[in-house]
């Protein structure tokens, strides 16, 4: 199991958190997604390291921006 933390901008409410969790949960290999709304941090646990492009695409699909 591997874990990575990303910074996401634009999240302002629990609906935003749900959207990010839902889209990232669709990425193959993702086991869990934890979102800290206050800091904008998203921690993803997965079976294998994820490609940043896949994470970025999922976050953008949810309507937000990966910043780091």
Protein backbone atom coordinates (compact mmCIF):
# COMPACT_ATOMS: atom_id res chain seq x y z
CA UNK A 1 0.00 0.00 0.00
CA UNK A 2 1.25 3.48 -0.84
CA UNK A 3 0.04 6.90 0.26
CA UNK A 4 0.38 10.30 -1.41
CA UNK A 5 -0.83 13.75 -0.37
CA UNK A 6 -1.86 16.45 -2.83
CA UNK A 7 -2.88 20.11 -2.53
CA UNK A 8 -6.19 20.99 -4.14
CA UNK A 9 -7.61 24.50 -4.57
CA UNK A 10 -11.23 25.55 -4.88
CA UNK A 11 -12.87 23.29 -2.30
CA UNK A 12 -15.22 25.27 -0.03
CA UNK A 13 -17.78 22.83 1.38
CA UNK A 14 -18.65 19.21 2.12
CA UNK A 15 -20.15 18.82 -1.35
CA UNK A 16 -16.72 19.70 -2.75
CA UNK A 17 -15.14 17.05 -0.52
CA UNK A 18 -17.64 14.44 -1.74
CA UNK A 19 -17.00 15.31 -5.39
CA UNK A 20 -13.23 14.93 -4.98
CA UNK A 21 -13.60 11.66 -3.06
CA UNK A 22 -15.99 10.29 -5.67
CA UNK A 23 -13.81 11.12 -8.68
CA UNK A 24 -10.56 9.94 -7.08
CA UNK A 25 -12.31 6.76 -5.96
CA UNK A 26 -12.86 5.91 -9.63
CA UNK A 27 -9.11 5.89 -10.38
CA UNK A 28 -7.96 2.26 -10.72
CA UNK A 29 -6.03 1.06 -7.68
CA UNK A 30 -7.29 3.70 -5.23
CA UNK A 31 -8.13 2.14 -1.87
CA UNK A 32 -9.17 5.25 0.08
CA UNK A 33 -9.34 9.03 -0.15
CA UNK A 34 -9.17 11.42 2.82
CA UNK A 35 -9.87 15.12 2.30
CA UNK A 36 -8.98 17.87 4.77
CA UNK A 37 -11.20 20.74 3.66
CA UNK A 38 -9.52 23.35 5.89
CA UNK A 39 -6.02 22.76 4.49
CA UNK A 40 -6.99 21.67 0.98
CA UNK A 41 -4.98 18.48 1.42
CA UNK A 42 -6.10 15.24 -0.19
CA UNK A 43 -4.46 11.99 0.89
CA UNK A 44 -4.86 9.01 -1.40
CA UNK A 45 -4.02 5.43 -0.43
CA UNK A 46 -3.51 3.05 -3.33
CA UNK A 47 -2.22 -0.41 -4.15
CA UNK A 48 0.51 1.02 -6.39
CA UNK A 49 1.90 4.55 -6.82
CA UNK A 50 -0.51 6.56 -8.96
CA UNK A 51 0.39 8.58 -12.02
CA UNK A 52 -0.01 12.28 -11.26
CA UNK A 53 -1.82 12.73 -14.58
CA UNK A 54 -4.58 10.35 -13.44
CA UNK A 55 -4.93 12.15 -10.11
CA UNK A 56 -4.95 15.56 -11.81
CA UNK A 57 -7.60 14.42 -14.32
CA UNK A 58 -9.88 13.12 -11.53
CA UNK A 59 -9.55 16.32 -9.51
CA UNK A 60 -10.23 18.45 -12.59
CA UNK A 61 -13.26 16.29 -13.42
CA UNK A 62 -14.58 17.12 -9.94
CA UNK A 63 -14.13 20.83 -10.79
CA UNK A 64 -10.99 21.63 -8.82
CA UNK A 65 -7.29 22.18 -9.41
CA UNK A 66 -4.29 20.15 -8.28
CA UNK A 67 -1.66 22.66 -7.13
CA UNK A 68 1.22 20.50 -5.96
